[in-house]
């Protein structure tokens, strides 16, 4: 029921944090 854009934004944020973990 929650807007799909919200879920998509959270997923993009998760992938960016994964990028940070890998490079750190």
PDBML (XML) file of the C-alpha atoms, coordinates in Angstrom:
<?xml version="1.0" encoding="UTF-8" ?>
<PDBx:datablock datablockName="MODEL"
   xmlns:PDBx="http://pdbml.pdb.org/schema/pdbx-v50.xsd"
   xmlns:xsi="http://www.w3.org/2001/XMLSchema-instance"
   xsi:schemaLocation="http://pdbml.pdb.org/schema/pdbx-v50.xsd pdbx-v50.xsd">
   <PDBx:atom_siteCategory>
      <PDBx:atom_site id="1">
         <PDBx:B_iso_or_equiv>0.00</PDBx:B_iso_or_equiv>
         <PDBx:Cartn_x>0.000</PDBx:Cartn_x>
         <PDBx:Cartn_y>0.000</PDBx:Cartn_y>
         <PDBx:Cartn_z>0.000</PDBx:Cartn_z>
         <PDBx:auth_asym_id>A</PDBx:auth_asym_id>
         <PDBx:auth_atom_id>CA</PDBx:auth_atom_id>
         <PDBx:auth_comp_id>UNK</PDBx:auth_comp_id>
         <PDBx:auth_seq_id>1</PDBx:auth_seq_id>
         <PDBx:group_PDB>ATOM</PDBx:group_PDB>
         <PDBx:label_alt_id xsi:nil="true" />
         <PDBx:label_asym_id>A</PDBx:label_asym_id>
         <PDBx:label_atom_id>CA</PDBx:label_atom_id>
         <PDBx:label_comp_id>UNK</PDBx:label_comp_id>
         <PDBx:label_entity_id>1</PDBx:label_entity_id>
         <PDBx:label_seq_id>1</PDBx:label_seq_id>
         <PDBx:occupancy>1.00</PDBx:occupancy>
         <PDBx:pdbx_PDB_model_num>1</PDBx:pdbx_PDB_model_num>
         <PDBx:type_symbol>C</PDBx:type_symbol>
      </PDBx:atom_site>
      <PDBx:atom_site id="2">
         <PDBx:B_iso_or_equiv>0.00</PDBx:B_iso_or_equiv>
         <PDBx:Cartn_x>2.967</PDBx:Cartn_x>
         <PDBx:Cartn_y>2.308</PDBx:Cartn_y>
         <PDBx:Cartn_z>0.502</PDBx:Cartn_z>
         <PDBx:auth_asym_id>A</PDBx:auth_asym_id>
         <PDBx:auth_atom_id>CA</PDBx:auth_atom_id>
         <PDBx:auth_comp_id>UNK</PDBx:auth_comp_id>
         <PDBx:auth_seq_id>2</PDBx:auth_seq_id>
         <PDBx:group_PDB>ATOM</PDBx:group_PDB>
         <PDBx:label_alt_id xsi:nil="true" />
         <PDBx:label_asym_id>A</PDBx:label_asym_id>
         <PDBx:label_atom_id>CA</PDBx:label_atom_id>
         <PDBx:label_comp_id>UNK</PDBx:label_comp_id>
         <PDBx:label_entity_id>1</PDBx:label_entity_id>
         <PDBx:label_seq_id>2</PDBx:label_seq_id>
         <PDBx:occupancy>1.00</PDBx:occupancy>
         <PDBx:pdbx_PDB_model_num>1</PDBx:pdbx_PDB_model_num>
         <PDBx:type_symbol>C</PDBx:type_symbol>
      </PDBx:atom_site>
      <PDBx:atom_site id="3">
         <PDBx:B_iso_or_equiv>0.00</PDBx:B_iso_or_equiv>
         <PDBx:Cartn_x>4.143</PDBx:Cartn_x>
         <PDBx:Cartn_y>4.158</PDBx:Cartn_y>
         <PDBx:Cartn_z>-2.590</PDBx:Cartn_z>
         <PDBx:auth_asym_id>A</PDBx:auth_asym_id>
         <PDBx:auth_atom_id>CA</PDBx:auth_atom_id>
         <PDBx:auth_comp_id>UNK</PDBx:auth_comp_id>
         <PDBx:auth_seq_id>3</PDBx:auth_seq_id>
         <PDBx:group_PDB>ATOM</PDBx:group_PDB>
         <PDBx:label_alt_id xsi:nil="true" />
         <PDBx:label_asym_id>A</PDBx:label_asym_id>
         <PDBx:label_atom_id>CA</PDBx:label_atom_id>
         <PDBx:label_comp_id>UNK</PDBx:label_comp_id>
         <PDBx:label_entity_id>1</PDBx:label_entity_id>
         <PDBx:label_seq_id>3</PDBx:label_seq_id>
         <PDBx:occupancy>1.00</PDBx:occupancy>
         <PDBx:pdbx_PDB_model_num>1</PDBx:pdbx_PDB_model_num>
         <PDBx:type_symbol>C</PDBx:type_symbol>
      </PDBx:atom_site>
      <PDBx:atom_site id="4">
         <PDBx:B_iso_or_equiv>0.00</PDBx:B_iso_or_equiv>
         <PDBx:Cartn_x>6.521</PDBx:Cartn_x>
         <PDBx:Cartn_y>2.024</PDBx:Cartn_y>
         <PDBx:Cartn_z>-4.648</PDBx:Cartn_z>
         <PDBx:auth_asym_id>A</PDBx:auth_asym_id>
         <PDBx:auth_atom_id>CA</PDBx:auth_atom_id>
         <PDBx:auth_comp_id>UNK</PDBx:auth_comp_id>
         <PDBx:auth_seq_id>4</PDBx:auth_seq_id>
         <PDBx:group_PDB>ATOM</PDBx:group_PDB>
         <PDBx:label_alt_id xsi:nil="true" />
         <PDBx:label_asym_id>A</PDBx:label_asym_id>
         <PDBx:label_atom_id>CA</PDBx:label_atom_id>
         <PDBx:label_comp_id>UNK</PDBx:label_comp_id>
         <PDBx:label_entity_id>1</PDBx:label_entity_id>
         <PDBx:label_seq_id>4</PDBx:label_seq_id>
         <PDBx:occupancy>1.00</PDBx:occupancy>
         <PDBx:pdbx_PDB_model_num>1</PDBx:pdbx_PDB_model_num>
         <PDBx:type_symbol>C</PDBx:type_symbol>
      </PDBx:atom_site>
      <PDBx:atom_site id="5">
         <PDBx:B_iso_or_equiv>0.00</PDBx:B_iso_or_equiv>
         <PDBx:Cartn_x>8.844</PDBx:Cartn_x>
         <PDBx:Cartn_y>5.009</PDBx:Cartn_y>
         <PDBx:Cartn_z>-5.121</PDBx:Cartn_z>
         <PDBx:auth_asym_id>A</PDBx:auth_asym_id>
         <PDBx:auth_atom_id>CA</PDBx:auth_atom_id>
         <PDBx:auth_comp_id>UNK</PDBx:auth_comp_id>
         <PDBx:auth_seq_id>5</PDBx:auth_seq_id>
         <PDBx:group_PDB>ATOM</PDBx:group_PDB>
         <PDBx:label_alt_id xsi:nil="true" />
         <PDBx:label_asym_id>A</PDBx:label_asym_id>
         <PDBx:label_atom_id>CA</PDBx:label_atom_id>
         <PDBx:label_comp_id>UNK</PDBx:label_comp_id>
         <PDBx:label_entity_id>1</PDBx:label_entity_id>
         <PDBx:label_seq_id>5</PDBx:label_seq_id>
         <PDBx:occupancy>1.00</PDBx:occupancy>
         <PDBx:pdbx_PDB_model_num>1</PDBx:pdbx_PDB_model_num>
         <PDBx:type_symbol>C</PDBx:type_symbol>
      </PDBx:atom_site>
      <PDBx:atom_site id="6">
         <PDBx:B_iso_or_equiv>0.00</PDBx:B_iso_or_equiv>
         <PDBx:Cartn_x>9.535</PDBx:Cartn_x>
         <PDBx:Cartn_y>4.964</PDBx:Cartn_y>
         <PDBx:Cartn_z>-1.384</PDBx:Cartn_z>
         <PDBx:auth_asym_id>A</PDBx:auth_asym_id>
         <PDBx:auth_atom_id>CA</PDBx:auth_atom_id>
         <PDBx:auth_comp_id>UNK</PDBx:auth_comp_id>
         <PDBx:auth_seq_id>6</PDBx:auth_seq_id>
         <PDBx:group_PDB>ATOM</PDBx:group_PDB>
         <PDBx:label_alt_id xsi:nil="true" />
         <PDBx:label_asym_id>A</PDBx:label_asym_id>
         <PDBx:label_atom_id>CA</PDBx:label_atom_id>
         <PDBx:label_comp_id>UNK</PDBx:label_comp_id>
         <PDBx:label_entity_id>1</PDBx:label_entity_id>
         <PDBx:label_seq_id>6</PDBx:label_seq_id>
         <PDBx:occupancy>1.00</PDBx:occupancy>
         <PDBx:pdbx_PDB_model_num>1</PDBx:pdbx_PDB_model_num>
         <PDBx:type_symbol>C</PDBx:type_symbol>
      </PDBx:atom_site>
      <PDBx:atom_site id="7">
         <PDBx:B_iso_or_equiv>0.00</PDBx:B_iso_or_equiv>
         <PDBx:Cartn_x>10.648</PDBx:Cartn_x>
         <PDBx:Cartn_y>1.342</PDBx:Cartn_y>
         <PDBx:Cartn_z>-1.526</PDBx:Cartn_z>
         <PDBx:auth_asym_id>A</PDBx:auth_asym_id>
         <PDBx:auth_atom_id>CA</PDBx:auth_atom_id>
         <PDBx:auth_comp_id>UNK</PDBx:auth_comp_id>
         <PDBx:auth_seq_id>7</PDBx:auth_seq_id>
         <PDBx:group_PDB>ATOM</PDBx:group_PDB>
         <PDBx:label_alt_id xsi:nil="true" />
         <PDBx:label_asym_id>A</PDBx:label_asym_id>
         <PDBx:label_atom_id>CA</PDBx:label_atom_id>
         <PDBx:label_comp_id>UNK</PDBx:label_comp_id>
         <PDBx:label_entity_id>1</PDBx:label_entity_id>
         <PDBx:label_seq_id>7</PDBx:label_seq_id>
         <PDBx:occupancy>1.00</PDBx:occupancy>
         <PDBx:pdbx_PDB_model_num>1</PDBx:pdbx_PDB_model_num>
         <PDBx:type_symbol>C</PDBx:type_symbol>
      </PDBx:atom_site>
      <PDBx:atom_site id="8">
         <PDBx:B_iso_or_equiv>0.00</PDBx:B_iso_or_equiv>
         <PDBx:Cartn_x>12.756</PDBx:Cartn_x>
         <PDBx:Cartn_y>2.071</PDBx:Cartn_y>
         <PDBx:Cartn_z>-4.591</PDBx:Cartn_z>
         <PDBx:auth_asym_id>A</PDBx:auth_asym_id>
         <PDBx:auth_atom_id>CA</PDBx:auth_atom_id>
         <PDBx:auth_comp_id>UNK</PDBx:auth_comp_id>
         <PDBx:auth_seq_id>8</PDBx:auth_seq_id>
         <PDBx:group_PDB>ATOM</PDBx:group_PDB>
         <PDBx:label_alt_id xsi:nil="true" />
         <PDBx:label_asym_id>A</PDBx:label_asym_id>
         <PDBx:label_atom_id>CA</PDBx:label_atom_id>
         <PDBx:label_comp_id>UNK</PDBx:label_comp_id>
         <PDBx:label_entity_id>1</PDBx:label_entity_id>
         <PDBx:label_seq_id>8</PDBx:label_seq_id>
         <PDBx:occupancy>1.00</PDBx:occupancy>
         <PDBx:pdbx_PDB_model_num>1</PDBx:pdbx_PDB_model_num>
         <PDBx:type_symbol>C</PDBx:type_symbol>
      </PDBx:atom_site>
      <PDBx:atom_site id="9">
         <PDBx:B_iso_or_equiv>0.00</PDBx:B_iso_or_equiv>
         <PDBx:Cartn_x>14.474</PDBx:Cartn_x>
         <PDBx:Cartn_y>4.990</PDBx:Cartn_y>
         <PDBx:Cartn_z>-2.857</PDBx:Cartn_z>
         <PDBx:auth_asym_id>A</PDBx:auth_asym_id>
         <PDBx:auth_atom_id>CA</PDBx:auth_atom_id>
         <PDBx:auth_comp_id>UNK</PDBx:auth_comp_id>
         <PDBx:auth_seq_id>9</PDBx:auth_seq_id>
         <PDBx:group_PDB>ATOM</PDBx:group_PDB>
         <PDBx:label_alt_id xsi:nil="true" />
         <PDBx:label_asym_id>A</PDBx:label_asym_id>
         <PDBx:label_atom_id>CA</PDBx:label_atom_id>
         <PDBx:label_comp_id>UNK</PDBx:label_comp_id>
         <PDBx:label_entity_id>1</PDBx:label_entity_id>
         <PDBx:label_seq_id>9</PDBx:label_seq_id>
         <PDBx:occupancy>1.00</PDBx:occupancy>
         <PDBx:pdbx_PDB_model_num>1</PDBx:pdbx_PDB_model_num>
         <PDBx:type_symbol>C</PDBx:type_symbol>
      </PDBx:atom_site>
      <PDBx:atom_site id="10">
         <PDBx:B_iso_or_equiv>0.00</PDBx:B_iso_or_equiv>
         <PDBx:Cartn_x>15.301</PDBx:Cartn_x>
         <PDBx:Cartn_y>2.838</PDBx:Cartn_y>
         <PDBx:Cartn_z>0.183</PDBx:Cartn_z>
         <PDBx:auth_asym_id>A</PDBx:auth_asym_id>
         <PDBx:auth_atom_id>CA</PDBx:auth_atom_id>
         <PDBx:auth_comp_id>UNK</PDBx:auth_comp_id>
         <PDBx:auth_seq_id>10</PDBx:auth_seq_id>
         <PDBx:group_PDB>ATOM</PDBx:group_PDB>
         <PDBx:label_alt_id xsi:nil="true" />
         <PDBx:label_asym_id>A</PDBx:label_asym_id>
         <PDBx:label_atom_id>CA</PDBx:label_atom_id>
         <PDBx:label_comp_id>UNK</PDBx:label_comp_id>
         <PDBx:label_entity_id>1</PDBx:label_entity_id>
         <PDBx:label_seq_id>10</PDBx:label_seq_id>
         <PDBx:occupancy>1.00</PDBx:occupancy>
         <PDBx:pdbx_PDB_model_num>1</PDBx:pdbx_PDB_model_num>
         <PDBx:type_symbol>C</PDBx:type_symbol>
      </PDBx:atom_site>
      <PDBx:atom_site id="11">
         <PDBx:B_iso_or_equiv>0.00</PDBx:B_iso_or_equiv>
         <PDBx:Cartn_x>16.714</PDBx:Cartn_x>
         <PDBx:Cartn_y>0.120</PDBx:Cartn_y>
         <PDBx:Cartn_z>-2.099</PDBx:Cartn_z>
         <PDBx:auth_asym_id>A</PDBx:auth_asym_id>
         <PDBx:auth_atom_id>CA</PDBx:auth_atom_id>
         <PDBx:auth_comp_id>UNK</PDBx:auth_comp_id>
         <PDBx:auth_seq_id>11</PDBx:auth_seq_id>
         <PDBx:group_PDB>ATOM</PDBx:group_PDB>
         <PDBx:label_alt_id xsi:nil="true" />
         <PDBx:label_asym_id>A</PDBx:label_asym_id>
         <PDBx:label_atom_id>CA</PDBx:label_atom_id>
         <PDBx:label_comp_id>UNK</PDBx:label_comp_id>
         <PDBx:label_entity_id>1</PDBx:label_entity_id>
         <PDBx:label_seq_id>11</PDBx:label_seq_id>
         <PDBx:occupancy>1.00</PDBx:occupancy>
         <PDBx:pdbx_PDB_model_num>1</PDBx:pdbx_PDB_model_num>
         <PDBx:type_symbol>C</PDBx:type_symbol>
      </PDBx:atom_site>
      <PDBx:atom_site id="12">
         <PDBx:B_iso_or_equiv>0.00</PDBx:B_iso_or_equiv>
         <PDBx:Cartn_x>18.936</PDBx:Cartn_x>
         <PDBx:Cartn_y>2.646</PDBx:Cartn_y>
         <PDBx:Cartn_z>-3.898</PDBx:Cartn_z>
         <PDBx:auth_asym_id>A</PDBx:auth_asym_id>
         <PDBx:auth_atom_id>CA</PDBx:auth_atom_id>
         <PDBx:auth_comp_id>UNK</PDBx:auth_comp_id>
         <PDBx:auth_seq_id>12</PDBx:auth_seq_id>
         <PDBx:group_PDB>ATOM</PDBx:group_PDB>
         <PDBx:label_alt_id xsi:nil="true" />
         <PDBx:label_asym_id>A</PDBx:label_asym_id>
         <PDBx:label_atom_id>CA</PDBx:label_atom_id>
         <PDBx:label_comp_id>UNK</PDBx:label_comp_id>
         <PDBx:label_entity_id>1</PDBx:label_entity_id>
         <PDBx:label_seq_id>12</PDBx:label_seq_id>
         <PDBx:occupancy>1.00</PDBx:occupancy>
         <PDBx:pdbx_PDB_model_num>1</PDBx:pdbx_PDB_model_num>
         <PDBx:type_symbol>C</PDBx:type_symbol>
      </PDBx:atom_site>
      <PDBx:atom_site id="13">
         <PDBx:B_iso_or_equiv>0.00</PDBx:B_iso_or_equiv>
         <PDBx:Cartn_x>20.144</PDBx:Cartn_x>
         <PDBx:Cartn_y>3.858</PDBx:Cartn_y>
         <PDBx:Cartn_z>-0.501</PDBx:Cartn_z>
         <PDBx:auth_asym_id>A</PDBx:auth_asym_id>
         <PDBx:auth_atom_id>CA</PDBx:auth_atom_id>
         <PDBx:auth_comp_id>UNK</PDBx:auth_comp_id>
         <PDBx:auth_seq_id>13</PDBx:auth_seq_id>
         <PDBx:group_PDB>ATOM</PDBx:group_PDB>
         <PDBx:label_alt_id xsi:nil="true" />
         <PDBx:label_asym_id>A</PDBx:label_asym_id>
         <PDBx:label_atom_id>CA</PDBx:label_atom_id>
         <PDBx:label_comp_id>UNK</PDBx:label_comp_id>
         <PDBx:label_entity_id>1</PDBx:label_entity_id>
         <PDBx:label_seq_id>13</PDBx:label_seq_id>
         <PDBx:occupancy>1.00</PDBx:occupancy>
         <PDBx:pdbx_PDB_model_num>1</PDBx:pdbx_PDB_model_num>
         <PDBx:type_symbol>C</PDBx:type_symbol>
      </PDBx:atom_site>
      <PDBx:atom_site id="14">
         <PDBx:B_iso_or_equiv>0.00</PDBx:B_iso_or_equiv>
         <PDBx:Cartn_x>20.921</PDBx:Cartn_x>
         <PDBx:Cartn_y>0.262</PDBx:Cartn_y>
         <PDBx:Cartn_z>0.535</PDBx:Cartn_z>
         <PDBx:auth_asym_id>A</PDBx:auth_asym_id>
         <PDBx:auth_atom_id>CA</PDBx:auth_atom_id>
         <PDBx:auth_comp_id>UNK</PDBx:auth_comp_id>
         <PDBx:auth_seq_id>14</PDBx:auth_seq_id>
         <PDBx:group_PDB>ATOM</PDBx:group_PDB>
         <PDBx:label_alt_id xsi:nil="true" />
         <PDBx:label_asym_id>A</PDBx:label_asym_id>
         <PDBx:label_atom_id>CA</PDBx:label_atom_id>
         <PDBx:label_comp_id>UNK</PDBx:label_comp_id>
         <PDBx:label_entity_id>1</PDBx:label_entity_id>
         <PDBx:label_seq_id>14</PDBx:label_seq_id>
         <PDBx:occupancy>1.00</PDBx:occupancy>
         <PDBx:pdbx_PDB_model_num>1</PDBx:pdbx_PDB_model_num>
         <PDBx:type_symbol>C</PDBx:type_symbol>
      </PDBx:atom_site>
      <PDBx:atom_site id="15">
         <PDBx:B_iso_or_equiv>0.00</PDBx:B_iso_or_equiv>
         <PDBx:Cartn_x>22.942</PDBx:Cartn_x>
         <PDBx:Cartn_y>-0.327</PDBx:Cartn_y>
         <PDBx:Cartn_z>-2.626</PDBx:Cartn_z>
         <PDBx:auth_asym_id>A</PDBx:auth_asym_id>
         <PDBx:auth_atom_id>CA</PDBx:auth_atom_id>
         <PDBx:auth_comp_id>UNK</PDBx:auth_comp_id>
         <PDBx:auth_seq_id>15</PDBx:auth_seq_id>
         <PDBx:group_PDB>ATOM</PDBx:group_PDB>
         <PDBx:label_alt_id xsi:nil="true" />
         <PDBx:label_asym_id>A</PDBx:label_asym_id>
         <PDBx:label_atom_id>CA</PDBx:label_atom_id>
         <PDBx:label_comp_id>UNK</PDBx:label_comp_id>
         <PDBx:label_entity_id>1</PDBx:label_entity_id>
         <PDBx:label_seq_id>15</PDBx:label_seq_id>
         <PDBx:occupancy>1.00</PDBx:occupancy>
         <PDBx:pdbx_PDB_model_num>1</PDBx:pdbx_PDB_model_num>
         <PDBx:type_symbol>C</PDBx:type_symbol>
      </PDBx:atom_site>
      <PDBx:atom_site id="16">
         <PDBx:B_iso_or_equiv>0.00</PDBx:B_iso_or_equiv>
         <PDBx:Cartn_x>24.895</PDBx:Cartn_x>
         <PDBx:Cartn_y>2.895</PDBx:Cartn_y>
         <PDBx:Cartn_z>-2.055</PDBx:Cartn_z>
         <PDBx:auth_asym_id>A</PDBx:auth_asym_id>
         <PDBx:auth_atom_id>CA</PDBx:auth_atom_id>
         <PDBx:auth_comp_id>UNK</PDBx:auth_comp_id>
         <PDBx:auth_seq_id>16</PDBx:auth_seq_id>
         <PDBx:group_PDB>ATOM</PDBx:group_PDB>
         <PDBx:label_alt_id xsi:nil="true" />
         <PDBx:label_asym_id>A</PDBx:label_asym_id>
         <PDBx:label_atom_id>CA</PDBx:label_atom_id>
         <PDBx:label_comp_id>UNK</PDBx:label_comp_id>
         <PDBx:label_entity_id>1</PDBx:label_entity_id>
         <PDBx:label_seq_id>16</PDBx:label_seq_id>
         <PDBx:occupancy>1.00</PDBx:occupancy>
         <PDBx:pdbx_PDB_model_num>1</PDBx:pdbx_PDB_model_num>
         <PDBx:type_symbol>C</PDBx:type_symbol>
      </PDBx:atom_site>
      <PDBx:atom_site id="17">
         <PDBx:B_iso_or_equiv>0.00</PDBx:B_iso_or_equiv>
         <PDBx:Cartn_x>25.721</PDBx:Cartn_x>
         <PDBx:Cartn_y>1.803</PDBx:Cartn_y>
         <PDBx:Cartn_z>1.505</PDBx:Cartn_z>
         <PDBx:auth_asym_id>A</PDBx:auth_asym_id>
         <PDBx:auth_atom_id>CA</PDBx:auth_atom_id>
         <PDBx:auth_comp_id>UNK</PDBx:auth_comp_id>
         <PDBx:auth_seq_id>17</PDBx:auth_seq_id>
         <PDBx:group_PDB>ATOM</PDBx:group_PDB>
         <PDBx:label_alt_id xsi:nil="true" />
         <PDBx:label_asym_id>A</PDBx:label_asym_id>
         <PDBx:label_atom_id>CA</PDBx:label_atom_id>
         <PDBx:label_comp_id>UNK</PDBx:label_comp_id>
         <PDBx:label_entity_id>1</PDBx:label_entity_id>
         <PDBx:label_seq_id>17</PDBx:label_seq_id>
         <PDBx:occupancy>1.00</PDBx:occupancy>
         <PDBx:pdbx_PDB_model_num>1</PDBx:pdbx_PDB_model_num>
         <PDBx:type_symbol>C</PDBx:type_symbol>
      </PDBx:atom_site>
      <PDBx:atom_site id="18">
         <PDBx:B_iso_or_equiv>0.00</PDBx:B_iso_or_equiv>
         <PDBx:Cartn_x>26.808</PDBx:Cartn_x>
         <PDBx:Cartn_y>-1.595</PDBx:Cartn_y>
         <PDBx:Cartn_z>0.217</PDBx:Cartn_z>
         <PDBx:auth_asym_id>A</PDBx:auth_asym_id>
         <PDBx:auth_atom_id>CA</PDBx:auth_atom_id>
         <PDBx:auth_comp_id>UNK</PDBx:auth_comp_id>
         <PDBx:auth_seq_id>18</PDBx:auth_seq_id>
         <PDBx:group_PDB>ATOM</PDBx:group_PDB>
         <PDBx:label_alt_id xsi:nil="true" />
         <PDBx:label_asym_id>A</PDBx:label_asym_id>
         <PDBx:label_atom_id>CA</PDBx:label_atom_id>
         <PDBx:label_comp_id>UNK</PDBx:label_comp_id>
         <PDBx:label_entity_id>1</PDBx:label_entity_id>
         <PDBx:label_seq_id>18</PDBx:label_seq_id>
         <PDBx:occupancy>1.00</PDBx:occupancy>
         <PDBx:pdbx_PDB_model_num>1</PDBx:pdbx_PDB_model_num>
         <PDBx:type_symbol>C</PDBx:type_symbol>
      </PDBx:atom_site>
      <PDBx:atom_site id="19">
         <PDBx:B_iso_or_equiv>0.00</PDBx:B_iso_or_equiv>
         <PDBx:Cartn_x>29.143</PDBx:Cartn_x>
         <PDBx:Cartn_y>0.241</PDBx:Cartn_y>
         <PDBx:Cartn_z>-2.179</PDBx:Cartn_z>
         <PDBx:auth_asym_id>A</PDBx:auth_asym_id>
         <PDBx:auth_atom_id>CA</PDBx:auth_atom_id>
         <PDBx:auth_comp_id>UNK</PDBx:auth_comp_id>
         <PDBx:auth_seq_id>19</PDBx:auth_seq_id>
         <PDBx:group_PDB>ATOM</PDBx:group_PDB>
         <PDBx:label_alt_id xsi:nil="true" />
         <PDBx:label_asym_id>A</PDBx:label_asym_id>
         <PDBx:label_atom_id>CA</PDBx:label_atom_id>
         <PDBx:label_comp_id>UNK</PDBx:label_comp_id>
         <PDBx:label_entity_id>1</PDBx:label_entity_id>
         <PDBx:label_seq_id>19</PDBx:label_seq_id>
         <PDBx:occupancy>1.00</PDBx:occupancy>
         <PDBx:pdbx_PDB_model_num>1</PDBx:pdbx_PDB_model_num>
         <PDBx:type_symbol>C</PDBx:type_symbol>
      </PDBx:atom_site>
      <PDBx:atom_site id="20">
         <PDBx:B_iso_or_equiv>0.00</PDBx:B_iso_or_equiv>
         <PDBx:Cartn_x>30.573</PDBx:Cartn_x>
         <PDBx:Cartn_y>2.115</PDBx:Cartn_y>
         <PDBx:Cartn_z>0.824</PDBx:Cartn_z>
         <PDBx:auth_asym_id>A</PDBx:auth_asym_id>
         <PDBx:auth_atom_id>CA</PDBx:auth_atom_id>
         <PDBx:auth_comp_id>UNK</PDBx:auth_comp_id>
         <PDBx:auth_seq_id>20</PDBx:auth_seq_id>
         <PDBx:group_PDB>ATOM</PDBx:group_PDB>
         <PDBx:label_alt_id xsi:nil="true" />
         <PDBx:label_asym_id>A</PDBx:label_asym_id>
         <PDBx:label_atom_id>CA</PDBx:label_atom_id>
         <PDBx:label_comp_id>UNK</PDBx:label_comp_id>
         <PDBx:label_entity_id>1</PDBx:label_entity_id>
         <PDBx:label_seq_id>20</PDBx:label_seq_id>
         <PDBx:occupancy>1.00</PDBx:occupancy>
         <PDBx:pdbx_PDB_model_num>1</PDBx:pdbx_PDB_model_num>
         <PDBx:type_symbol>C</PDBx:type_symbol>
      </PDBx:atom_site>
      <PDBx:atom_site id="21">
         <PDBx:B_iso_or_equiv>0.00</PDBx:B_iso_or_equiv>
         <PDBx:Cartn_x>31.099</PDBx:Cartn_x>
         <PDBx:Cartn_y>-1.076</PDBx:Cartn_y>
         <PDBx:Cartn_z>2.835</PDBx:Cartn_z>
         <PDBx:auth_asym_id>A</PDBx:auth_asym_id>
         <PDBx:auth_atom_id>CA</PDBx:auth_atom_id>
         <PDBx:auth_comp_id>UNK</PDBx:auth_comp_id>
         <PDBx:auth_seq_id>21</PDBx:auth_seq_id>
         <PDBx:group_PDB>ATOM</PDBx:group_PDB>
         <PDBx:label_alt_id xsi:nil="true" />
         <PDBx:label_asym_id>A</PDBx:label_asym_id>
         <PDBx:label_atom_id>CA</PDBx:label_atom_id>
         <PDBx:label_comp_id>UNK</PDBx:label_comp_id>
         <PDBx:label_entity_id>1</PDBx:label_entity_id>
         <PDBx:label_seq_id>21</PDBx:label_seq_id>
         <PDBx:occupancy>1.00</PDBx:occupancy>
         <PDBx:pdbx_PDB_model_num>1</PDBx:pdbx_PDB_model_num>
         <PDBx:type_symbol>C</PDBx:type_symbol>
      </PDBx:atom_site>
      <PDBx:atom_site id="22">
         <PDBx:B_iso_or_equiv>0.00</PDBx:B_iso_or_equiv>
         <PDBx:Cartn_x>32.903</PDBx:Cartn_x>
         <PDBx:Cartn_y>-2.798</PDBx:Cartn_y>
         <PDBx:Cartn_z>-0.044</PDBx:Cartn_z>
         <PDBx:auth_asym_id>A</PDBx:auth_asym_id>
         <PDBx:auth_atom_id>CA</PDBx:auth_atom_id>
         <PDBx:auth_comp_id>UNK</PDBx:auth_comp_id>
         <PDBx:auth_seq_id>22</PDBx:auth_seq_id>
         <PDBx:group_PDB>ATOM</PDBx:group_PDB>
         <PDBx:label_alt_id xsi:nil="true" />
         <PDBx:label_asym_id>A</PDBx:label_asym_id>
         <PDBx:label_atom_id>CA</PDBx:label_atom_id>
         <PDBx:label_comp_id>UNK</PDBx:label_comp_id>
         <PDBx:label_entity_id>1</PDBx:label_entity_id>
         <PDBx:label_seq_id>22</PDBx:label_seq_id>
         <PDBx:occupancy>1.00</PDBx:occupancy>
         <PDBx:pdbx_PDB_model_num>1</PDBx:pdbx_PDB_model_num>
         <PDBx:type_symbol>C</PDBx:type_symbol>
      </PDBx:atom_site>
      <PDBx:atom_site id="23">
         <PDBx:B_iso_or_equiv>0.00</PDBx:B_iso_or_equiv>
         <PDBx:Cartn_x>35.236</PDBx:Cartn_x>
         <PDBx:Cartn_y>0.115</PDBx:Cartn_y>
         <PDBx:Cartn_z>-0.790</PDBx:Cartn_z>
         <PDBx:auth_asym_id>A</PDBx:auth_asym_id>
         <PDBx:auth_atom_id>CA</PDBx:auth_atom_id>
         <PDBx:auth_comp_id>UNK</PDBx:auth_comp_id>
         <PDBx:auth_seq_id>23</PDBx:auth_seq_id>
         <PDBx:group_PDB>ATOM</PDBx:group_PDB>
         <PDBx:label_alt_id xsi:nil="true" />
         <PDBx:label_asym_id>A</PDBx:label_asym_id>
         <PDBx:label_atom_id>CA</PDBx:label_atom_id>
         <PDBx:label_comp_id>UNK</PDBx:label_comp_id>
         <PDBx:label_entity_id>1</PDBx:label_entity_id>
         <PDBx:label_seq_id>23</PDBx:label_seq_id>
         <PDBx:occupancy>1.00</PDBx:occupancy>
         <PDBx:pdbx_PDB_model_num>1</PDBx:pdbx_PDB_model_num>
         <PDBx:type_symbol>C</PDBx:type_symbol>
      </PDBx:atom_site>
      <PDBx:atom_site id="24">
         <PDBx:B_iso_or_equiv>0.00</PDBx:B_iso_or_equiv>
         <PDBx:Cartn_x>35.955</PDBx:Cartn_x>
         <PDBx:Cartn_y>0.870</PDBx:Cartn_y>
         <PDBx:Cartn_z>2.884</PDBx:Cartn_z>
         <PDBx:auth_asym_id>A</PDBx:auth_asym_id>
         <PDBx:auth_atom_id>CA</PDBx:auth_atom_id>
         <PDBx:auth_comp_id>UNK</PDBx:auth_comp_id>
         <PDBx:auth_seq_id>24</PDBx:auth_seq_id>
         <PDBx:group_PDB>ATOM</PDBx:group_PDB>
         <PDBx:label_alt_id xsi:nil="true" />
         <PDBx:label_asym_id>A</PDBx:label_asym_id>
         <PDBx:label_atom_id>CA</PDBx:label_atom_id>
         <PDBx:label_comp_id>UNK</PDBx:label_comp_id>
         <PDBx:label_entity_id>1</PDBx:label_entity_id>
         <PDBx:label_seq_id>24</PDBx:label_seq_id>
         <PDBx:occupancy>1.00</PDBx:occupancy>
         <PDBx:pdbx_PDB_model_num>1</PDBx:pdbx_PDB_model_num>
         <PDBx:type_symbol>C</PDBx:type_symbol>
      </PDBx:atom_site>
   </PDBx:atom_siteCategory>
</PDBx:datablock>
